[in-house]
Amino acid sequence: MTNQERLIKVRQLIAFYKDDNRNFVPVDERGGEHAVAVIVYRLDLPELPLNREQERGVAKLYQEGLNRIHLTLFQLAMVQLGEASAGRENPETFTVVDDRGEALRGVLSGVIETHPLGAVFDVSVYDDTGSEVMPRRQPPCIICGGDRAECKKQRRHGPEEILSRLDALLLAKGYYD
């Protein structure tokens, strides 16, 4: 999914949930008004040819990250209004919550930073205008530990090197059965 397609999906979800009072009764102690934020979660991996074992390992990693996001929302007592998924090869999950989004960015950054493979998680938070809440803090590159955005932009690491490192990390962390 391209960034433009992602933003369109975010705006569609915001429009639907802001205007749809059938799904919940908004209760907001913060000032009486209803707000919507969208969390977009995906794995930041290049398109790589994976074998079945690697596909299962990546799928387990994806699900584990999503479970951590859900647990964090539960712990914060945030009302989850809905969820939508997109993509099969590189899945993305769009989670809509009754919140303004400001606090979510920092809390979800903690989810990324505390997970042993959090460097491949990509979590964005959008407010009810469809704007990204605070710039994302990028975890380090899984290959060299440097600036991930720079490595990606300059294509410092080839697909084979990324796949090899990912494979080693998944194996070391027990993601293969």
C-alpha atoms as a PDB file:
ATOM      1  CA  MET A   1       0.000   0.000   0.000  1.00  0.00           C
ATOM      2  CA  THR A   2       1.392   3.392  -0.929  1.00  0.00           C
ATOM      3  CA  ASN A   3       1.479   6.322   1.491  1.00  0.00           C
ATOM      4  CA  GLN A   4      -1.264   8.019  -0.536  1.00  0.00           C
ATOM      5  CA  GLU A   5      -3.503   4.921  -0.385  1.00  0.00           C
ATOM      6  CA  ARG A   6      -2.813   4.637   3.344  1.00  0.00           C
ATOM      7  CA  LEU A   7      -3.829   8.252   3.939  1.00  0.00           C
ATOM      8  CA  ILE A   8      -7.034   7.770   1.927  1.00  0.00           C
ATOM      9  CA  LYS A   9      -7.902   4.719   4.066  1.00  0.00           C
ATOM     10  CA  VAL A  10      -7.185   6.668   7.270  1.00  0.00           C
ATOM     11  CA  ARG A  11      -9.432   9.539   6.163  1.00  0.00           C
ATOM     12  CA  GLN A  12     -12.225   7.146   5.165  1.00  0.00           C
ATOM     13  CA  LEU A  13     -12.125   5.508   8.599  1.00  0.00           C
ATOM     14  CA  ILE A  14     -12.089   8.866  10.370  1.00  0.00           C
ATOM     15  CA  ALA A  15     -15.070  10.081   8.361  1.00  0.00           C
ATOM     16  CA  PHE A  16     -17.015   6.892   9.041  1.00  0.00           C
ATOM     17  CA  TYR A  17     -16.363   6.738  12.781  1.00  0.00           C
ATOM     18  CA  LYS A  18     -16.731  10.453  13.461  1.00  0.00           C
ATOM     19  CA  ASP A  19     -20.126  10.454  11.785  1.00  0.00           C
ATOM     20  CA  ASP A  20     -21.326   7.054  12.946  1.00  0.00           C
ATOM     21  CA  ASN A  21     -22.867   7.119  16.405  1.00  0.00           C
ATOM     22  CA  ARG A  22     -24.352   3.635  16.032  1.00  0.00           C
ATOM     23  CA  ASN A  23     -21.180   1.883  17.224  1.00  0.00           C
ATOM     24  CA  PHE A  24     -20.726   3.568  20.580  1.00  0.00           C
ATOM     25  CA  VAL A  25     -21.918   6.224  22.958  1.00  0.00           C
ATOM     26  CA  PRO A  26     -19.037   8.682  23.208  1.00  0.00           C
ATOM     27  CA  VAL A  27     -18.167   9.411  26.780  1.00  0.00           C
ATOM     28  CA  ASP A  28     -15.394  11.922  27.091  1.00  0.00           C
ATOM     29  CA  GLU A  29     -14.412  13.261  30.475  1.00  0.00           C
ATOM     30  CA  ARG A  30     -11.849  15.468  28.718  1.00  0.00           C
ATOM     31  CA  GLY A  31     -14.347  18.082  27.677  1.00  0.00           C
ATOM     32  CA  GLY A  32     -17.478  16.405  26.413  1.00  0.00           C
ATOM     33  CA  GLU A  33     -16.502  16.043  22.789  1.00  0.00           C
ATOM     34  CA  HIS A  34     -15.834  12.937  20.797  1.00  0.00           C
ATOM     35  CA  ALA A  35     -12.486  12.458  19.055  1.00  0.00           C
ATOM     36  CA  VAL A  36     -11.141   9.778  16.744  1.00  0.00           C
ATOM     37  CA  ALA A  37      -7.571   8.649  16.173  1.00  0.00           C
ATOM     38  CA  VAL A  38      -6.303   5.963  13.821  1.00  0.00           C
ATOM     39  CA  ILE A  39      -3.322   3.750  14.573  1.00  0.00           C
ATOM     40  CA  VAL A  40      -1.697   2.248  11.493  1.00  0.00           C
ATOM     41  CA  TYR A  41       0.508  -0.767  12.139  1.00  0.00           C
ATOM     42  CA  ARG A  42       2.643  -2.699   9.686  1.00  0.00           C
ATOM     43  CA  LEU A  43       6.056  -4.295   9.450  1.00  0.00           C
ATOM     44  CA  ASP A  44       8.643  -2.156   7.711  1.00  0.00           C
ATOM     45  CA  LEU A  45      10.213  -4.826   5.530  1.00  0.00           C
ATOM     46  CA  PRO A  46      11.114  -4.658   1.860  1.00  0.00           C
ATOM     47  CA  GLU A  47       9.375  -6.968  -0.576  1.00  0.00           C
ATOM     48  CA  LEU A  48      11.415 -10.132  -0.098  1.00  0.00           C
ATOM     49  CA  PRO A  49      10.940 -13.680  -1.331  1.00  0.00           C
ATOM     50  CA  LEU A  50      10.284 -15.698   1.819  1.00  0.00           C
ATOM     51  CA  ASN A  51      10.128 -19.451   2.265  1.00  0.00           C
ATOM     52  CA  ARG A  52       7.229 -20.953   4.230  1.00  0.00           C
ATOM     53  CA  GLU A  53       9.083 -20.997   7.531  1.00  0.00           C
ATOM     54  CA  GLN A  54      10.067 -17.352   7.117  1.00  0.00           C
ATOM     55  CA  GLU A  55       6.488 -16.431   6.163  1.00  0.00           C
ATOM     56  CA  ARG A  56       5.210 -18.103   9.345  1.00  0.00           C
ATOM     57  CA  GLY A  57       7.887 -16.356  11.432  1.00  0.00           C
ATOM     58  CA  VAL A  58       7.047 -12.951   9.972  1.00  0.00           C
ATOM     59  CA  ALA A  59       3.305 -13.627  10.448  1.00  0.00           C
ATOM     60  CA  LYS A  60       3.925 -14.508  14.121  1.00  0.00           C
ATOM     61  CA  LEU A  61       5.969 -11.337  14.562  1.00  0.00           C
ATOM     62  CA  TYR A  62       3.222  -9.246  12.941  1.00  0.00           C
ATOM     63  CA  GLN A  63       0.544 -10.775  15.164  1.00  0.00           C
ATOM     64  CA  GLU A  64       2.661 -10.332  18.275  1.00  0.00           C
ATOM     65  CA  GLY A  65       3.116  -6.629  17.513  1.00  0.00           C
ATOM     66  CA  LEU A  66      -0.620  -6.222  16.931  1.00  0.00           C
ATOM     67  CA  ASN A  67      -1.377  -8.054  20.186  1.00  0.00           C
ATOM     68  CA  ARG A  68       0.955  -5.676  22.047  1.00  0.00           C
ATOM     69  CA  ILE A  69      -0.878  -2.695  20.581  1.00  0.00           C
ATOM     70  CA  HIS A  70      -4.239  -4.164  21.634  1.00  0.00           C
ATOM     71  CA  LEU A  71      -2.907  -4.882  25.135  1.00  0.00           C
ATOM     72  CA  THR A  72      -1.606  -1.326  25.421  1.00  0.00           C
ATOM     73  CA  LEU A  73      -5.001   0.083  24.396  1.00  0.00           C
ATOM     74  CA  PHE A  74      -6.690  -2.188  26.949  1.00  0.00           C
ATOM     75  CA  GLN A  75      -4.284  -1.095  29.699  1.00  0.00           C
ATOM     76  CA  LEU A  76      -5.004   2.547  28.882  1.00  0.00           C
ATOM     77  CA  ALA A  77      -8.755   1.795  28.934  1.00  0.00           C
ATOM     78  CA  MET A  78      -9.099   3.218  25.433  1.00  0.00           C
ATOM     79  CA  VAL A  79     -12.276   2.500  23.551  1.00  0.00           C
ATOM     80  CA  GLN A  80     -11.481   0.684  20.318  1.00  0.00           C
ATOM     81  CA  LEU A  81     -14.139   1.676  17.812  1.00  0.00           C
ATOM     82  CA  GLY A  82     -13.133  -0.573  14.957  1.00  0.00           C
ATOM     83  CA  GLU A  83     -10.382  -2.167  12.979  1.00  0.00           C
ATOM     84  CA  ALA A  84      -9.676  -2.742   9.313  1.00  0.00           C
ATOM     85  CA  SER A  85      -6.937  -4.674   7.561  1.00  0.00           C
ATOM     86  CA  ALA A  86      -5.377  -4.271   4.157  1.00  0.00           C
ATOM     87  CA  GLY A  87      -2.871  -6.252   2.130  1.00  0.00           C
ATOM     88  CA  ARG A  88      -1.921  -9.908   2.144  1.00  0.00           C
ATOM     89  CA  GLU A  89       1.803  -9.871   1.390  1.00  0.00           C
ATOM     90  CA  ASN A  90       2.561  -6.865   3.597  1.00  0.00           C
ATOM     91  CA  PRO A  91      -0.459  -6.586   5.883  1.00  0.00           C
ATOM     92  CA  GLU A  92      -1.447  -3.374   7.605  1.00  0.00           C
ATOM     93  CA  THR A  93      -3.931  -2.922  10.401  1.00  0.00           C
ATOM     94  CA  PHE A  94      -5.888   0.291  10.936  1.00  0.00           C
ATOM     95  CA  THR A  95      -7.209   0.548  14.490  1.00  0.00           C
ATOM     96  CA  VAL A  96      -9.691   3.330  15.256  1.00  0.00           C
ATOM     97  CA  VAL A  97      -9.872   4.565  18.848  1.00  0.00           C
ATOM     98  CA  ASP A  98     -11.883   7.165  20.737  1.00  0.00           C
ATOM     99  CA  ASP A  99      -8.986   9.476  21.530  1.00  0.00           C
ATOM    100  CA  ARG A 100      -7.266  12.568  20.209  1.00  0.00           C
ATOM    101  CA  GLY A 101      -4.055  10.663  19.542  1.00  0.00           C
ATOM    102  CA  GLU A 102      -1.467  12.857  21.285  1.00  0.00           C
ATOM    103  CA  ALA A 103      -0.731  10.452  24.137  1.00  0.00           C
ATOM    104  CA  LEU A 104      -0.846   7.386  21.899  1.00  0.00           C
ATOM    105  CA  ARG A 105       2.269   8.281  19.923  1.00  0.00           C
ATOM    106  CA  GLY A 106       4.571   8.142  22.942  1.00  0.00           C
ATOM    107  CA  VAL A 107       2.962   5.066  24.438  1.00  0.00           C
ATOM    108  CA  LEU A 108       3.150   3.147  21.175  1.00  0.00           C
ATOM    109  CA  SER A 109       6.770   4.217  20.691  1.00  0.00           C
ATOM    110  CA  GLY A 110       7.379   2.362  23.952  1.00  0.00           C
ATOM    111  CA  VAL A 111       5.839  -0.773  22.431  1.00  0.00           C
ATOM    112  CA  ILE A 112       8.329  -0.540  19.573  1.00  0.00           C
ATOM    113  CA  GLU A 113      11.335   0.207  21.761  1.00  0.00           C
ATOM    114  CA  THR A 114      10.714  -2.598  24.256  1.00  0.00           C
ATOM    115  CA  HIS A 115      10.168  -5.379  21.724  1.00  0.00           C
ATOM    116  CA  PRO A 116      13.323  -7.283  20.719  1.00  0.00           C
ATOM    117  CA  LEU A 117      12.350  -6.994  17.039  1.00  0.00           C
ATOM    118  CA  GLY A 118      10.594  -3.639  17.357  1.00  0.00           C
ATOM    119  CA  ALA A 119      12.959  -2.155  14.787  1.00  0.00           C
ATOM    120  CA  VAL A 120      10.786  -3.646  12.038  1.00  0.00           C
ATOM    121  CA  PHE A 121       7.487  -2.337  13.484  1.00  0.00           C
ATOM    122  CA  ASP A 122       6.056   0.726  11.792  1.00  0.00           C
ATOM    123  CA  VAL A 123       3.371   2.427  13.879  1.00  0.00           C
ATOM    124  CA  SER A 124       1.755   5.723  12.895  1.00  0.00           C
ATOM    125  CA  VAL A 125      -0.962   7.660  14.715  1.00  0.00           C
ATOM    126  CA  TYR A 126      -3.338  10.022  12.906  1.00  0.00           C
ATOM    127  CA  ASP A 127      -5.677  12.524  14.571  1.00  0.00           C
ATOM    128  CA  ASP A 128      -9.252  13.193  13.509  1.00  0.00           C
ATOM    129  CA  THR A 129      -8.109  15.614  10.794  1.00  0.00           C
ATOM    130  CA  GLY A 130      -6.083  12.859   9.120  1.00  0.00           C
ATOM    131  CA  SER A 131      -2.781  14.449  10.134  1.00  0.00           C
ATOM    132  CA  GLU A 132      -0.012  12.343  11.576  1.00  0.00           C
ATOM    133  CA  VAL A 133       0.420  13.055  15.268  1.00  0.00           C
ATOM    134  CA  MET A 134       4.029  13.966  15.918  1.00  0.00           C
ATOM    135  CA  PRO A 135       6.718  12.665  13.629  1.00  0.00           C
ATOM    136  CA  ARG A 136       7.519   9.018  14.083  1.00  0.00           C
ATOM    137  CA  ARG A 137      10.631   8.150  16.001  1.00  0.00           C
ATOM    138  CA  GLN A 138      12.433   5.659  13.840  1.00  0.00           C
ATOM    139  CA  PRO A 139      13.973   2.643  15.531  1.00  0.00           C
ATOM    140  CA  PRO A 140      17.532   1.906  14.419  1.00  0.00           C
ATOM    141  CA  CYS A 141      18.343  -0.086  11.291  1.00  0.00           C
ATOM    142  CA  ILE A 142      18.294  -3.848  11.977  1.00  0.00           C
ATOM    143  CA  ILE A 143      21.487  -4.305   9.956  1.00  0.00           C
ATOM    144  CA  CYS A 144      23.901  -1.599  11.111  1.00  0.00           C
ATOM    145  CA  GLY A 145      22.092   0.111  14.006  1.00  0.00           C
ATOM    146  CA  GLY A 146      22.271   3.441  12.168  1.00  0.00           C
ATOM    147  CA  ASP A 147      19.487   5.762  11.098  1.00  0.00           C
ATOM    148  CA  ARG A 148      16.882   3.470   9.543  1.00  0.00           C
ATOM    149  CA  ALA A 149      15.365   6.187   7.350  1.00  0.00           C
ATOM    150  CA  GLU A 150      18.767   7.076   5.903  1.00  0.00           C
ATOM    151  CA  CYS A 151      19.658   3.435   5.266  1.00  0.00           C
ATOM    152  CA  LYS A 152      16.339   2.937   3.496  1.00  0.00           C
ATOM    153  CA  LYS A 153      16.614   6.154   1.485  1.00  0.00           C
ATOM    154  CA  GLN A 154      20.161   5.442   0.335  1.00  0.00           C
ATOM    155  CA  ARG A 155      19.549   1.695  -0.057  1.00  0.00           C
ATOM    156  CA  ARG A 156      22.617   0.858   2.004  1.00  0.00           C
ATOM    157  CA  HIS A 157      21.541  -2.742   2.503  1.00  0.00           C
ATOM    158  CA  GLY A 158      20.366  -5.067  -0.225  1.00  0.00           C
ATOM    159  CA  PRO A 159      17.350  -7.389   0.034  1.00  0.00           C
ATOM    160  CA  GLU A 160      19.572 -10.447   0.583  1.00  0.00           C
ATOM    161  CA  GLU A 161      21.364  -8.779   3.502  1.00  0.00           C
ATOM    162  CA  ILE A 162      18.054  -7.710   5.065  1.00  0.00           C
ATOM    163  CA  LEU A 163      16.551 -11.174   4.610  1.00  0.00           C
ATOM    164  CA  SER A 164      19.629 -12.822   6.103  1.00  0.00           C
ATOM    165  CA  ARG A 165      19.542 -10.537   9.169  1.00  0.00           C
ATOM    166  CA  LEU A 166      15.784 -10.927   9.594  1.00  0.00           C
ATOM    167  CA  ASP A 167      16.131 -14.700   9.299  1.00  0.00           C
ATOM    168  CA  ALA A 168      18.839 -14.733  12.001  1.00  0.00           C
ATOM    169  CA  LEU A 169      16.750 -12.520  14.318  1.00  0.00           C
ATOM    170  CA  LEU A 170      13.598 -14.597  13.865  1.00  0.00           C
ATOM    171  CA  LEU A 171      15.563 -17.770  14.560  1.00  0.00           C
ATOM    172  CA  ALA A 172      17.333 -16.315  17.610  1.00  0.00           C
ATOM    173  CA  LYS A 173      14.083 -15.006  19.097  1.00  0.00           C
ATOM    174  CA  GLY A 174      12.189 -18.273  18.605  1.00  0.00           C
ATOM    175  CA  TYR A 175       9.800 -17.264  15.830  1.00  0.00           C
ATOM    176  CA  TYR A 176      10.410 -20.471  13.913  1.00  0.00           C
ATOM    177  CA  ASP A 177       8.601 -23.575  15.120  1.00  0.00           C
END
